[in-house]
Amino acid sequence: MTDLEFMDRAEKLLLAVERCCDRINETSDADVDSQRSGGMLTLTFPDRSQIVVNLQKPLHEVWMAARSGGYHYRFDGDAWQDSKGAGEFFACLSRDASRQSGLPLEFAA
């Protein structure tokens, strides 16, 4: 994957997360604040806990930091998969966001 291809795919991932936050806030009692600064997206929950999604261009990875730990995702041709086998990005984000918000939240591409 070239740097340009990575940035295109990674940008789509960040936009999808932002859109999911908007949808979640419009359709539920969740209050997930999303703040973006360049290649970093921070989700803040009512209890002040955060999930940070950060692009790592030199490595062609997307990193996610949550209460449960830190994860590195690489695009496998179909989806963003954790480099250590923890699963697909959106499934993991949904799991961690649900735990941190106390509500069932679903994120998808």
PDB file of N, CA and C in Angstrom:
ATOM      1  N   MET A   1       0.853  -1.173   0.000  1.00  0.00           N
ATOM      2  CA  MET A   1       0.000   0.000   0.000  1.00  0.00           C
ATOM      3  C   MET A   1       0.900   1.237   0.000  1.00  0.00           C
ATOM      4  N   THR A   2       0.581   2.172  -0.844  1.00  0.00           N
ATOM      5  CA  THR A   2       1.338   3.421  -0.897  1.00  0.00           C
ATOM      6  C   THR A   2       0.880   4.353   0.231  1.00  0.00           C
ATOM      7  N   ASP A   3       1.656   5.386   0.487  1.00  0.00           N
ATOM      8  CA  ASP A   3       1.263   6.383   1.490  1.00  0.00           C
ATOM      9  C   ASP A   3      -0.077   7.018   1.122  1.00  0.00           C
ATOM     10  N   LEU A   4      -0.270   7.296  -0.170  1.00  0.00           N
ATOM     11  CA  LEU A   4      -1.512   7.912  -0.625  1.00  0.00           C
ATOM     12  C   LEU A   4      -2.707   6.987  -0.400  1.00  0.00           C
ATOM     13  N   GLU A   5      -2.534   5.709  -0.689  1.00  0.00           N
ATOM     14  CA  GLU A   5      -3.617   4.739  -0.461  1.00  0.00           C
ATOM     15  C   GLU A   5      -3.933   4.621   1.026  1.00  0.00           C
ATOM     16  N   PHE A   6      -2.871   4.585   1.844  1.00  0.00           N
ATOM     17  CA  PHE A   6      -3.089   4.525   3.291  1.00  0.00           C
ATOM     18  C   PHE A   6      -3.883   5.731   3.766  1.00  0.00           C
ATOM     19  N   MET A   7      -3.463   6.920   3.370  1.00  0.00           N
ATOM     20  CA  MET A   7      -4.143   8.129   3.829  1.00  0.00           C
ATOM     21  C   MET A   7      -5.591   8.171   3.363  1.00  0.00           C
ATOM     22  N   ASP A   8      -5.867   7.706   2.164  1.00  0.00           N
ATOM     23  CA  ASP A   8      -7.241   7.659   1.667  1.00  0.00           C
ATOM     24  C   ASP A   8      -8.089   6.722   2.526  1.00  0.00           C
ATOM     25  N   ARG A   9      -7.597   5.530   2.776  1.00  0.00           N
ATOM     26  CA  ARG A   9      -8.342   4.554   3.589  1.00  0.00           C
ATOM     27  C   ARG A   9      -8.467   5.013   5.041  1.00  0.00           C
ATOM     28  N   ALA A  10      -7.398   5.551   5.582  1.00  0.00           N
ATOM     29  CA  ALA A  10      -7.406   6.000   6.976  1.00  0.00           C
ATOM     30  C   ALA A  10      -8.339   7.192   7.161  1.00  0.00           C
ATOM     31  N   GLU A  11      -8.354   8.101   6.199  1.00  0.00           N
ATOM     32  CA  GLU A  11      -9.262   9.251   6.267  1.00  0.00           C
ATOM     33  C   GLU A  11     -10.716   8.780   6.251  1.00  0.00           C
ATOM     34  N   LYS A  12     -11.020   7.787   5.430  1.00  0.00           N
ATOM     35  CA  LYS A  12     -12.382   7.227   5.390  1.00  0.00           C
ATOM     36  C   LYS A  12     -12.750   6.615   6.730  1.00  0.00           C
ATOM     37  N   LEU A  13     -11.794   5.971   7.384  1.00  0.00           N
ATOM     38  CA  LEU A  13     -12.046   5.392   8.708  1.00  0.00           C
ATOM     39  C   LEU A  13     -12.387   6.487   9.710  1.00  0.00           C
ATOM     40  N   LEU A  14     -11.583   7.556   9.755  1.00  0.00           N
ATOM     41  CA  LEU A  14     -11.852   8.637  10.698  1.00  0.00           C
ATOM     42  C   LEU A  14     -13.192   9.305  10.427  1.00  0.00           C
ATOM     43  N   LEU A  15     -13.522   9.517   9.162  1.00  0.00           N
ATOM     44  CA  LEU A  15     -14.820  10.116   8.820  1.00  0.00           C
ATOM     45  C   LEU A  15     -15.967   9.216   9.251  1.00  0.00           C
ATOM     46  N   ALA A  16     -15.807   7.911   9.088  1.00  0.00           N
ATOM     47  CA  ALA A  16     -16.852   6.969   9.502  1.00  0.00           C
ATOM     48  C   ALA A  16     -17.061   7.028  11.011  1.00  0.00           C
ATOM     49  N   VAL A  17     -15.971   7.127  11.773  1.00  0.00           N
ATOM     50  CA  VAL A  17     -16.089   7.220  13.237  1.00  0.00           C
ATOM     51  C   VAL A  17     -16.818   8.508  13.612  1.00  0.00           C
ATOM     52  N   GLU A  18     -16.464   9.617  12.969  1.00  0.00           N
ATOM     53  CA  GLU A  18     -17.134  10.890  13.253  1.00  0.00           C
ATOM     54  C   GLU A  18     -18.624  10.811  12.930  1.00  0.00           C
ATOM     55  N   ARG A  19     -18.970  10.231  11.800  1.00  0.00           N
ATOM     56  CA  ARG A  19     -20.389  10.091  11.418  1.00  0.00           C
ATOM     57  C   ARG A  19     -21.138   9.200  12.400  1.00  0.00           C
ATOM     58  N   CYS A  20     -20.486   8.139  12.848  1.00  0.00           N
ATOM     59  CA  CYS A  20     -21.122   7.262  13.833  1.00  0.00           C
ATOM     60  C   CYS A  20     -21.382   8.012  15.137  1.00  0.00           C
ATOM     61  N   CYS A  21     -20.442   8.839  15.555  1.00  0.00           N
ATOM     62  CA  CYS A  21     -20.643   9.648  16.773  1.00  0.00           C
ATOM     63  C   CYS A  21     -21.856  10.554  16.608  1.00  0.00           C
ATOM     64  N   ASP A  22     -21.966  11.203  15.457  1.00  0.00           N
ATOM     65  CA  ASP A  22     -23.118  12.075  15.198  1.00  0.00           C
ATOM     66  C   ASP A  22     -24.420  11.283  15.267  1.00  0.00           C
ATOM     67  N   ARG A  23     -24.438  10.107  14.625  1.00  0.00           N
ATOM     68  CA  ARG A  23     -25.643   9.275  14.625  1.00  0.00           C
ATOM     69  C   ARG A  23     -25.985   8.813  16.038  1.00  0.00           C
ATOM     70  N   ILE A  24     -24.984   8.365  16.775  1.00  0.00           N
ATOM     71  CA  ILE A  24     -25.201   7.897  18.147  1.00  0.00           C
ATOM     72  C   ILE A  24     -25.777   9.015  19.005  1.00  0.00           C
ATOM     73  N   ASN A  25     -25.233  10.215  18.892  1.00  0.00           N
ATOM     74  CA  ASN A  25     -25.717  11.343  19.690  1.00  0.00           C
ATOM     75  C   ASN A  25     -27.130  11.762  19.301  1.00  0.00           C
ATOM     76  N   GLU A  26     -27.489  11.599  18.035  1.00  0.00           N
ATOM     77  CA  GLU A  26     -28.833  11.970  17.577  1.00  0.00           C
ATOM     78  C   GLU A  26     -29.895  10.932  17.932  1.00  0.00           C
ATOM     79  N   THR A  27     -29.499   9.665  18.055  1.00  0.00           N
ATOM     80  CA  THR A  27     -30.483   8.593  18.204  1.00  0.00           C
ATOM     81  C   THR A  27     -30.458   7.902  19.562  1.00  0.00           C
ATOM     82  N   SER A  28     -29.635   8.379  20.482  1.00  0.00           N
ATOM     83  CA  SER A  28     -29.567   7.724  21.787  1.00  0.00           C
ATOM     84  C   SER A  28     -29.312   8.767  22.877  1.00  0.00           C
ATOM     85  N   ASP A  29     -29.261   8.289  24.107  1.00  0.00           N
ATOM     86  CA  ASP A  29     -28.957   9.160  25.240  1.00  0.00           C
ATOM     87  C   ASP A  29     -27.462   9.306  25.469  1.00  0.00           C
ATOM     88  N   ALA A  30     -26.676   8.674  24.615  1.00  0.00           N
ATOM     89  CA  ALA A  30     -25.215   8.782  24.744  1.00  0.00           C
ATOM     90  C   ALA A  30     -24.778  10.211  24.445  1.00  0.00           C
ATOM     91  N   ASP A  31     -23.732  10.616  25.088  1.00  0.00           N
ATOM     92  CA  ASP A  31     -23.158  11.937  24.852  1.00  0.00           C
ATOM     93  C   ASP A  31     -21.676  11.733  24.578  1.00  0.00           C
ATOM     94  N   VAL A  32     -21.361  11.405  23.327  1.00  0.00           N
ATOM     95  CA  VAL A  32     -19.988  11.136  22.923  1.00  0.00           C
ATOM     96  C   VAL A  32     -19.474  12.361  22.172  1.00  0.00           C
ATOM     97  N   ASP A  33     -18.506  13.027  22.758  1.00  0.00           N
ATOM     98  CA  ASP A  33     -17.915  14.204  22.129  1.00  0.00           C
ATOM     99  C   ASP A  33     -16.738  13.754  21.279  1.00  0.00           C
ATOM    100  N   SER A  34     -16.731  14.145  20.011  1.00  0.00           N
ATOM    101  CA  SER A  34     -15.600  13.805  19.149  1.00  0.00           C
ATOM    102  C   SER A  34     -14.887  15.085  18.736  1.00  0.00           C
ATOM    103  N   GLN A  35     -13.592  15.085  18.911  1.00  0.00           N
ATOM    104  CA  GLN A  35     -12.741  16.220  18.550  1.00  0.00           C
ATOM    105  C   GLN A  35     -11.627  15.713  17.656  1.00  0.00           C
ATOM    106  N   ARG A  36     -11.465  16.394  16.526  1.00  0.00           N
ATOM    107  CA  ARG A  36     -10.440  15.971  15.579  1.00  0.00           C
ATOM    108  C   ARG A  36      -9.367  17.036  15.441  1.00  0.00           C
ATOM    109  N   SER A  37      -8.135  16.562  15.419  1.00  0.00           N
ATOM    110  CA  SER A  37      -6.992  17.429  15.173  1.00  0.00           C
ATOM    111  C   SER A  37      -6.070  16.690  14.209  1.00  0.00           C
ATOM    112  N   GLY A  38      -6.131  17.053  12.939  1.00  0.00           N
ATOM    113  CA  GLY A  38      -5.327  16.374  11.926  1.00  0.00           C
ATOM    114  C   GLY A  38      -5.653  14.897  11.858  1.00  0.00           C
ATOM    115  N   GLY A  39      -4.661  14.055  12.082  1.00  0.00           N
ATOM    116  CA  GLY A  39      -4.843  12.612  12.024  1.00  0.00           C
ATOM    117  C   GLY A  39      -5.170  11.976  13.356  1.00  0.00           C
ATOM    118  N   MET A  40      -5.657  12.777  14.302  1.00  0.00           N
ATOM    119  CA  MET A  40      -6.021  12.241  15.615  1.00  0.00           C
ATOM    120  C   MET A  40      -7.468  12.599  15.940  1.00  0.00           C
ATOM    121  N   LEU A  41      -8.217  11.610  16.376  1.00  0.00           N
ATOM    122  CA  LEU A  41      -9.616  11.783  16.753  1.00  0.00           C
ATOM    123  C   LEU A  41      -9.772  11.322  18.195  1.00  0.00           C
ATOM    124  N   THR A  42     -10.293  12.203  19.041  1.00  0.00           N
ATOM    125  CA  THR A  42     -10.494  11.886  20.451  1.00  0.00           C
ATOM    126  C   THR A  42     -11.981  11.823  20.742  1.00  0.00           C
ATOM    127  N   LEU A  43     -12.422  10.690  21.288  1.00  0.00           N
ATOM    128  CA  LEU A  43     -13.808  10.520  21.733  1.00  0.00           C
ATOM    129  C   LEU A  43     -13.815  10.649  23.245  1.00  0.00           C
ATOM    130  N   THR A  44     -14.650  11.540  23.763  1.00  0.00           N
ATOM    131  CA  THR A  44     -14.741  11.750  25.208  1.00  0.00           C
ATOM    132  C   THR A  44     -16.145  11.395  25.657  1.00  0.00           C
ATOM    133  N   PHE A  45     -16.221  10.613  26.727  1.00  0.00           N
ATOM    134  CA  PHE A  45     -17.486  10.123  27.262  1.00  0.00           C
ATOM    135  C   PHE A  45     -17.887  10.923  28.493  1.00  0.00           C
ATOM    136  N   PRO A  46     -19.150  10.827  28.909  1.00  0.00           N
ATOM    137  CA  PRO A  46     -19.615  11.635  30.042  1.00  0.00           C
ATOM    138  C   PRO A  46     -18.775  11.493  31.318  1.00  0.00           C
ATOM    139  N   ASP A  47     -18.171  10.320  31.541  1.00  0.00           N
ATOM    140  CA  ASP A  47     -17.342  10.141  32.740  1.00  0.00           C
ATOM    141  C   ASP A  47     -15.923  10.682  32.552  1.00  0.00           C
ATOM    142  N   ARG A  48     -15.698  11.372  31.444  1.00  0.00           N
ATOM    143  CA  ARG A  48     -14.423  11.999  31.084  1.00  0.00           C
ATOM    144  C   ARG A  48     -13.381  11.007  30.563  1.00  0.00           C
ATOM    145  N   SER A  49     -13.733   9.731  30.461  1.00  0.00           N
ATOM    146  CA  SER A  49     -12.799   8.785  29.859  1.00  0.00           C
ATOM    147  C   SER A  49     -12.736   9.051  28.360  1.00  0.00           C
ATOM    148  N   GLN A  50     -11.660   8.608  27.737  1.00  0.00           N
ATOM    149  CA  GLN A  50     -11.456   8.888  26.322  1.00  0.00           C
ATOM    150  C   GLN A  50     -11.021   7.646  25.557  1.00  0.00           C
ATOM    151  N   ILE A  51     -11.292   7.688  24.264  1.00  0.00           N
ATOM    152  CA  ILE A  51     -10.705   6.768  23.298  1.00  0.00           C
ATOM    153  C   ILE A  51     -10.040   7.657  22.257  1.00  0.00           C
ATOM    154  N   VAL A  52      -8.783   7.370  21.966  1.00  0.00           N
ATOM    155  CA  VAL A  52      -8.036   8.165  20.999  1.00  0.00           C
ATOM    156  C   VAL A  52      -7.688   7.276  19.806  1.00  0.00           C
ATOM    157  N   VAL A  53      -8.021   7.760  18.616  1.00  0.00           N
ATOM    158  CA  VAL A  53      -7.679   7.078  17.363  1.00  0.00           C
ATOM    159  C   VAL A  53      -6.670   7.975  16.658  1.00  0.00           C
ATOM    160  N   ASN A  54      -5.532   7.393  16.289  1.00  0.00           N
ATOM    161  CA  ASN A  54      -4.423   8.182  15.771  1.00  0.00           C
ATOM    162  C   ASN A  54      -3.826   7.490  14.548  1.00  0.00           C
ATOM    163  N   LEU A  55      -3.584   8.240  13.491  1.00  0.00           N
ATOM    164  CA  LEU A  55      -2.970   7.688  12.288  1.00  0.00           C
ATOM    165  C   LEU A  55      -1.459   7.659  12.431  1.00  0.00           C
ATOM    166  N   GLN A  56      -0.861   6.547  12.050  1.00  0.00           N
ATOM    167  CA  GLN A  56       0.589   6.390  12.053  1.00  0.00           C
ATOM    168  C   GLN A  56       1.035   6.156  10.610  1.00  0.00           C
ATOM    169  N   LYS A  57       1.164   7.256   9.881  1.00  0.00           N
ATOM    170  CA  LYS A  57       1.457   7.193   8.446  1.00  0.00           C
ATOM    171  C   LYS A  57       2.724   6.398   8.109  1.00  0.00           C
ATOM    172  N   PRO A  58       3.853   6.603   8.809  1.00  0.00           N
ATOM    173  CA  PRO A  58       5.060   5.866   8.426  1.00  0.00           C
ATOM    174  C   PRO A  58       4.895   4.338   8.518  1.00  0.00           C
ATOM    175  N   LEU A  59       4.037   3.889   9.428  1.00  0.00           N
ATOM    176  CA  LEU A  59       3.827   2.456   9.634  1.00  0.00           C
ATOM    177  C   LEU A  59       2.605   1.922   8.884  1.00  0.00           C
ATOM    178  N   HIS A  60       1.836   2.827   8.278  1.00  0.00           N
ATOM    179  CA  HIS A  60       0.558   2.474   7.629  1.00  0.00           C
ATOM    180  C   HIS A  60      -0.364   1.777   8.621  1.00  0.00           C
ATOM    181  N   GLU A  61      -0.438   2.340   9.824  1.00  0.00           N
ATOM    182  CA  GLU A  61      -1.290   1.787  10.872  1.00  0.00           C
ATOM    183  C   GLU A  61      -2.210   2.853  11.446  1.00  0.00           C
ATOM    184  N   VAL A  62      -3.299   2.376  12.019  1.00  0.00           N
ATOM    185  CA  VAL A  62      -4.212   3.204  12.804  1.00  0.00           C
ATOM    186  C   VAL A  62      -4.108   2.678  14.225  1.00  0.00           C
ATOM    187  N   TRP A  63      -3.807   3.563  15.150  1.00  0.00           N
ATOM    188  CA  TRP A  63      -3.682   3.169  16.545  1.00  0.00           C
ATOM    189  C   TRP A  63      -4.915   3.622  17.317  1.00  0.00           C
ATOM    190  N   MET A  64      -5.336   2.784  18.259  1.00  0.00           N
ATOM    191  CA  MET A  64      -6.453   3.137  19.132  1.00  0.00           C
ATOM    192  C   MET A  64      -6.022   2.904  20.575  1.00  0.00           C
ATOM    193  N   ALA A  65      -6.260   3.908  21.413  1.00  0.00           N
ATOM    194  CA  ALA A  65      -5.990   3.791  22.846  1.00  0.00           C
ATOM    195  C   ALA A  65      -7.313   3.943  23.581  1.00  0.00           C
ATOM    196  N   ALA A  66      -7.615   2.951  24.428  1.00  0.00           N
ATOM    197  CA  ALA A  66      -8.851   2.943  25.219  1.00  0.00           C
ATOM    198  C   ALA A  66      -8.502   2.455  26.617  1.00  0.00           C
ATOM    199  N   ARG A  67      -9.490   2.449  27.491  1.00  0.00           N
ATOM    200  CA  ARG A  67      -9.237   1.931  28.849  1.00  0.00           C
ATOM    201  C   ARG A  67      -8.713   0.501  28.812  1.00  0.00           C
ATOM    202  N   SER A  68      -9.167  -0.270  27.832  1.00  0.00           N
ATOM    203  CA  SER A  68      -8.786  -1.683  27.752  1.00  0.00           C
ATOM    204  C   SER A  68      -7.358  -1.887  27.253  1.00  0.00           C
ATOM    205  N   GLY A  69      -6.752  -0.835  26.681  1.00  0.00           N
ATOM    206  CA  GLY A  69      -5.382  -0.964  26.199  1.00  0.00           C
ATOM    207  C   GLY A  69      -5.154  -0.230  24.901  1.00  0.00           C
ATOM    208  N   GLY A  70      -4.004  -0.500  24.303  1.00  0.00           N
ATOM    209  CA  GLY A  70      -3.641   0.110  23.035  1.00  0.00           C
ATOM    210  C   GLY A  70      -3.625  -0.925  21.928  1.00  0.00           C
ATOM    211  N   TYR A  71      -4.064  -0.533  20.745  1.00  0.00           N
ATOM    212  CA  TYR A  71      -4.203  -1.453  19.621  1.00  0.00           C
ATOM    213  C   TYR A  71      -3.644  -0.817  18.358  1.00  0.00           C
ATOM    214  N   HIS A  72      -3.051  -1.648  17.500  1.00  0.00           N
ATOM    215  CA  HIS A  72      -2.505  -1.200  16.227  1.00  0.00           C
ATOM    216  C   HIS A  72      -3.232  -1.954  15.117  1.00  0.00           C
ATOM    217  N   TYR A  73      -3.813  -1.217  14.183  1.00  0.00           N
ATOM    218  CA  TYR A  73      -4.593  -1.818  13.098  1.00  0.00           C
ATOM    219  C   TYR A  73      -3.925  -1.580  11.755  1.00  0.00           C
ATOM    220  N   ARG A  74      -3.911  -2.636  10.935  1.00  0.00           N
ATOM    221  CA  ARG A  74      -3.407  -2.555   9.564  1.00  0.00           C
ATOM    222  C   ARG A  74      -4.513  -3.010   8.631  1.00  0.00           C
ATOM    223  N   PHE A  75      -4.590  -2.374   7.468  1.00  0.00           N
ATOM    224  CA  PHE A  75      -5.603  -2.744   6.491  1.00  0.00           C
ATOM    225  C   PHE A  75      -5.157  -4.019   5.781  1.00  0.00           C
ATOM    226  N   ASP A  76      -6.002  -5.050   5.806  1.00  0.00           N
ATOM    227  CA  ASP A  76      -5.640  -6.346   5.227  1.00  0.00           C
ATOM    228  C   ASP A  76      -6.210  -6.571   3.822  1.00  0.00           C
ATOM    229  N   GLY A  77      -6.741  -5.525   3.224  1.00  0.00           N
ATOM    230  CA  GLY A  77      -7.360  -5.648   1.911  1.00  0.00           C
ATOM    231  C   GLY A  77      -8.873  -5.599   1.993  1.00  0.00           C
ATOM    232  N   ASP A  78      -9.404  -5.955   3.164  1.00  0.00           N
ATOM    233  CA  ASP A  78     -10.851  -5.934   3.385  1.00  0.00           C
ATOM    234  C   ASP A  78     -11.252  -5.059   4.565  1.00  0.00           C
ATOM    235  N   ALA A  79     -10.460  -5.097   5.634  1.00  0.00           N
ATOM    236  CA  ALA A  79     -10.824  -4.394   6.867  1.00  0.00           C
ATOM    237  C   ALA A  79      -9.556  -4.059   7.645  1.00  0.00           C
ATOM    238  N   TRP A  80      -9.723  -3.194   8.636  1.00  0.00           N
ATOM    239  CA  TRP A  80      -8.626  -2.837   9.528  1.00  0.00           C
ATOM    240  C   TRP A  80      -8.577  -3.865  10.648  1.00  0.00           C
ATOM    241  N   GLN A  81      -7.516  -4.669  10.699  1.00  0.00           N
ATOM    242  CA  GLN A  81      -7.373  -5.744  11.677  1.00  0.00           C
ATOM    243  C   GLN A  81      -6.237  -5.430  12.649  1.00  0.00           C
ATOM    244  N   ASP A  82      -6.444  -5.781  13.924  1.00  0.00           N
ATOM    245  CA  ASP A  82      -5.410  -5.571  14.929  1.00  0.00           C
ATOM    246  C   ASP A  82      -4.201  -6.442  14.616  1.00  0.00           C
ATOM    247  N   SER A  83      -3.025  -5.878  14.755  1.00  0.00           N
ATOM    248  CA  SER A  83      -1.791  -6.594  14.415  1.00  0.00           C
ATOM    249  C   SER A  83      -1.485  -7.752  15.361  1.00  0.00           C
ATOM    250  N   LYS A  84      -2.152  -7.789  16.518  1.00  0.00           N
ATOM    251  CA  LYS A  84      -1.919  -8.876  17.472  1.00  0.00           C
ATOM    252  C   LYS A  84      -3.141  -9.767  17.632  1.00  0.00           C
ATOM    253  N   GLY A  85      -4.076  -9.689  16.683  1.00  0.00           N
ATOM    254  CA  GLY A  85      -5.217 -10.601  16.682  1.00  0.00           C
ATOM    255  C   GLY A  85      -6.389 -10.215  17.554  1.00  0.00           C
ATOM    256  N   ALA A  86      -6.461  -8.960  18.011  1.00  0.00           N
ATOM    257  CA  ALA A  86      -7.560  -8.544  18.884  1.00  0.00           C
ATOM    258  C   ALA A  86      -8.871  -8.326  18.130  1.00  0.00           C
ATOM    259  N   GLY A  87      -8.834  -8.302  16.785  1.00  0.00           N
ATOM    260  CA  GLY A  87     -10.068  -8.177  16.014  1.00  0.00           C
ATOM    261  C   GLY A  87     -10.083  -6.988  15.084  1.00  0.00           C
ATOM    262  N   GLU A  88     -11.243  -6.784  14.493  1.00  0.00           N
ATOM    263  CA  GLU A  88     -11.472  -5.730  13.504  1.00  0.00           C
ATOM    264  C   GLU A  88     -11.720  -4.398  14.220  1.00  0.00           C
ATOM    265  N   PHE A  89     -11.242  -3.309  13.624  1.00  0.00           N
ATOM    266  CA  PHE A  89     -11.277  -1.989  14.255  1.00  0.00           C
ATOM    267  C   PHE A  89     -12.663  -1.591  14.751  1.00  0.00           C
ATOM    268  N   PHE A  90     -13.674  -1.612  13.877  1.00  0.00           N
ATOM    269  CA  PHE A  90     -14.991  -1.103  14.274  1.00  0.00           C
ATOM    270  C   PHE A  90     -15.641  -1.974  15.349  1.00  0.00           C
ATOM    271  N   ALA A  91     -15.392  -3.276  15.313  1.00  0.00           N
ATOM    272  CA  ALA A  91     -15.912  -4.158  16.364  1.00  0.00           C
ATOM    273  C   ALA A  91     -15.260  -3.829  17.704  1.00  0.00           C
ATOM    274  N   CYS A  92     -13.956  -3.603  17.685  1.00  0.00           N
ATOM    275  CA  CYS A  92     -13.240  -3.261  18.923  1.00  0.00           C
ATOM    276  C   CYS A  92     -13.647  -1.888  19.439  1.00  0.00           C
ATOM    277  N   LEU A  93     -13.799  -0.926  18.526  1.00  0.00           N
ATOM    278  CA  LEU A  93     -14.238   0.408  18.940  1.00  0.00           C
ATOM    279  C   LEU A  93     -15.635   0.335  19.548  1.00  0.00           C
ATOM    280  N   SER A  94     -16.528  -0.430  18.945  1.00  0.00           N
ATOM    281  CA  SER A  94     -17.888  -0.589  19.489  1.00  0.00           C
ATOM    282  C   SER A  94     -17.840  -1.188  20.890  1.00  0.00           C
ATOM    283  N   ARG A  95     -17.023  -2.212  21.060  1.00  0.00           N
ATOM    284  CA  ARG A  95     -16.884  -2.867  22.374  1.00  0.00           C
ATOM    285  C   ARG A  95     -16.374  -1.890  23.416  1.00  0.00           C
ATOM    286  N   ASP A  96     -15.283  -1.186  23.100  1.00  0.00           N
ATOM    287  CA  ASP A  96     -14.688  -0.292  24.090  1.00  0.00           C
ATOM    288  C   ASP A  96     -15.545   0.935  24.358  1.00  0.00           C
ATOM    289  N   ALA A  97     -16.154   1.495  23.326  1.00  0.00           N
ATOM    290  CA  ALA A  97     -17.033   2.653  23.521  1.00  0.00           C
ATOM    291  C   ALA A  97     -18.255   2.263  24.351  1.00  0.00           C
ATOM    292  N   SER A  98     -18.778   1.070  24.140  1.00  0.00           N
ATOM    293  CA  SER A  98     -19.922   0.598  24.933  1.00  0.00           C
ATOM    294  C   SER A  98     -19.530   0.457  26.400  1.00  0.00           C
ATOM    295  N   ARG A  99     -18.367  -0.110  26.650  1.00  0.00           N
ATOM    296  CA  ARG A  99     -17.887  -0.265  28.036  1.00  0.00           C
ATOM    297  C   ARG A  99     -17.693   1.092  28.702  1.00  0.00           C
ATOM    298  N   GLN A 100     -17.095   2.028  27.980  1.00  0.00           N
ATOM    299  CA  GLN A 100     -16.778   3.322  28.586  1.00  0.00           C
ATOM    300  C   GLN A 100     -18.004   4.219  28.729  1.00  0.00           C
ATOM    301  N   SER A 101     -19.013   4.028  27.894  1.00  0.00           N
ATOM    302  CA  SER A 101     -20.216   4.862  27.989  1.00  0.00           C
ATOM    303  C   SER A 101     -21.277   4.239  28.889  1.00  0.00           C
ATOM    304  N   GLY A 102     -21.206   2.915  29.060  1.00  0.00           N
ATOM    305  CA  GLY A 102     -22.246   2.217  29.814  1.00  0.00           C
ATOM    306  C   GLY A 102     -23.494   1.973  29.004  1.00  0.00           C
ATOM    307  N   LEU A 103     -23.439   2.235  27.702  1.00  0.00           N
ATOM    308  CA  LEU A 103     -24.568   2.039  26.790  1.00  0.00           C
ATOM    309  C   LEU A 103     -24.098   1.212  25.591  1.00  0.00           C
ATOM    310  N   PRO A 104     -24.998   0.440  24.974  1.00  0.00           N
ATOM    311  CA  PRO A 104     -24.592  -0.305  23.777  1.00  0.00           C
ATOM    312  C   PRO A 104     -24.421   0.645  22.587  1.00  0.00           C
ATOM    313  N   LEU A 105     -23.196   0.819  22.144  1.00  0.00           N
ATOM    314  CA  LEU A 105     -22.902   1.718  21.023  1.00  0.00           C
ATOM    315  C   LEU A 105     -22.341   0.904  19.878  1.00  0.00           C
ATOM    316  N   GLU A 106     -22.747   1.255  18.649  1.00  0.00           N
ATOM    317  CA  GLU A 106     -22.265   0.529  17.489  1.00  0.00           C
ATOM    318  C   GLU A 106     -21.598   1.474  16.490  1.00  0.00           C
ATOM    319  N   PHE A 107     -20.369   1.143  16.154  1.00  0.00           N
ATOM    320  CA  PHE A 107     -19.612   1.868  15.148  1.00  0.00           C
ATOM    321  C   PHE A 107     -19.428   0.954  13.952  1.00  0.00           C
ATOM    322  N   ALA A 108     -19.521   1.520  12.740  1.00  0.00           N
ATOM    323  CA  ALA A 108     -19.352   0.724  11.520  1.00  0.00           C
ATOM    324  C   ALA A 108     -18.741   1.603  10.439  1.00  0.00           C
ATOM    325  N   ALA A 109     -18.145   0.937   9.462  1.00  0.00           N
ATOM    326  CA  ALA A 109     -17.510   1.646   8.338  1.00  0.00           C
ATOM    327  C   ALA A 109     -18.517   2.379   7.507  1.00  0.00           C
TER     328      ALA A 109
END
